[in-house]
Amino acid sequence: MRQRTSYPKPFKTQVVQECLQPGASVASVAMSHGINANVVRKWLPLFWRAYG
């Protein structure tokens, strides 16, 4: 069984900011970083709560 990967906050912030760029999709950004799109989708609400 695989262990969960923990990503540092600066990395999460960078990925979310890339997703917010015009024309970018969550799936394409996630694939470019080698992570699952569902993981990035979970980060989006956390980002909005933290940075309003």
Protein backbone atom coordinates (compact mmCIF):
# COMPACT_ATOMS: atom_id res chain seq x y z
CA MET A 1 0.00 0.00 0.00
CA ARG A 2 1.33 3.44 -0.93
CA GLN A 3 1.97 6.06 1.68
CA ARG A 4 0.30 9.45 1.22
CA THR A 5 2.50 12.16 -0.19
CA SER A 6 2.70 15.39 1.76
CA TYR A 7 3.27 18.52 -0.30
CA PRO A 8 4.78 21.73 1.12
CA LYS A 9 2.53 24.80 1.31
CA PRO A 10 4.59 26.87 -1.17
CA PHE A 11 4.18 24.08 -3.75
CA LYS A 12 0.41 23.91 -3.16
CA THR A 13 0.13 27.68 -3.50
CA GLN A 14 2.10 27.63 -6.76
CA VAL A 15 -0.07 24.88 -8.24
CA VAL A 16 -3.32 26.61 -7.24
CA GLN A 17 -2.12 29.92 -8.69
CA GLU A 18 -1.30 28.16 -11.95
CA CYS A 19 -4.86 26.77 -12.00
CA LEU A 20 -6.27 30.28 -11.64
CA GLN A 21 -4.51 31.54 -14.77
CA PRO A 22 -6.79 32.20 -17.77
CA GLY A 23 -7.04 29.15 -20.00
CA ALA A 24 -5.51 26.77 -17.45
CA SER A 25 -7.38 23.69 -16.29
CA VAL A 26 -6.94 21.87 -13.02
CA ALA A 27 -6.31 18.63 -14.89
CA SER A 28 -3.59 20.03 -17.13
CA VAL A 29 -1.78 21.78 -14.27
CA ALA A 30 -1.97 18.65 -12.11
CA MET A 31 -0.61 16.47 -14.92
CA SER A 32 2.26 18.87 -15.55
CA HIS A 33 3.28 18.44 -11.90
CA GLY A 34 2.69 14.69 -11.86
CA ILE A 35 -0.13 14.74 -9.32
CA ASN A 36 -3.78 13.72 -9.42
CA ALA A 37 -6.30 16.43 -10.35
CA ASN A 38 -8.54 15.46 -7.42
CA VAL A 39 -5.75 16.39 -5.02
CA VAL A 40 -5.48 19.85 -6.56
CA ARG A 41 -9.27 20.29 -6.47
CA LYS A 42 -9.16 19.70 -2.71
CA TRP A 43 -6.52 22.43 -2.36
CA LEU A 44 -8.67 25.09 -4.06
CA PRO A 45 -11.13 25.65 -1.17
CA LEU A 46 -8.24 25.63 1.32
CA PHE A 47 -6.52 28.31 -0.74
CA TRP A 48 -9.66 30.48 -0.85
CA ARG A 49 -10.14 30.21 2.92
CA ALA A 50 -6.53 31.10 3.63
CA TYR A 51 -6.14 33.93 1.12
CA GLY A 52 -9.75 35.05 0.71
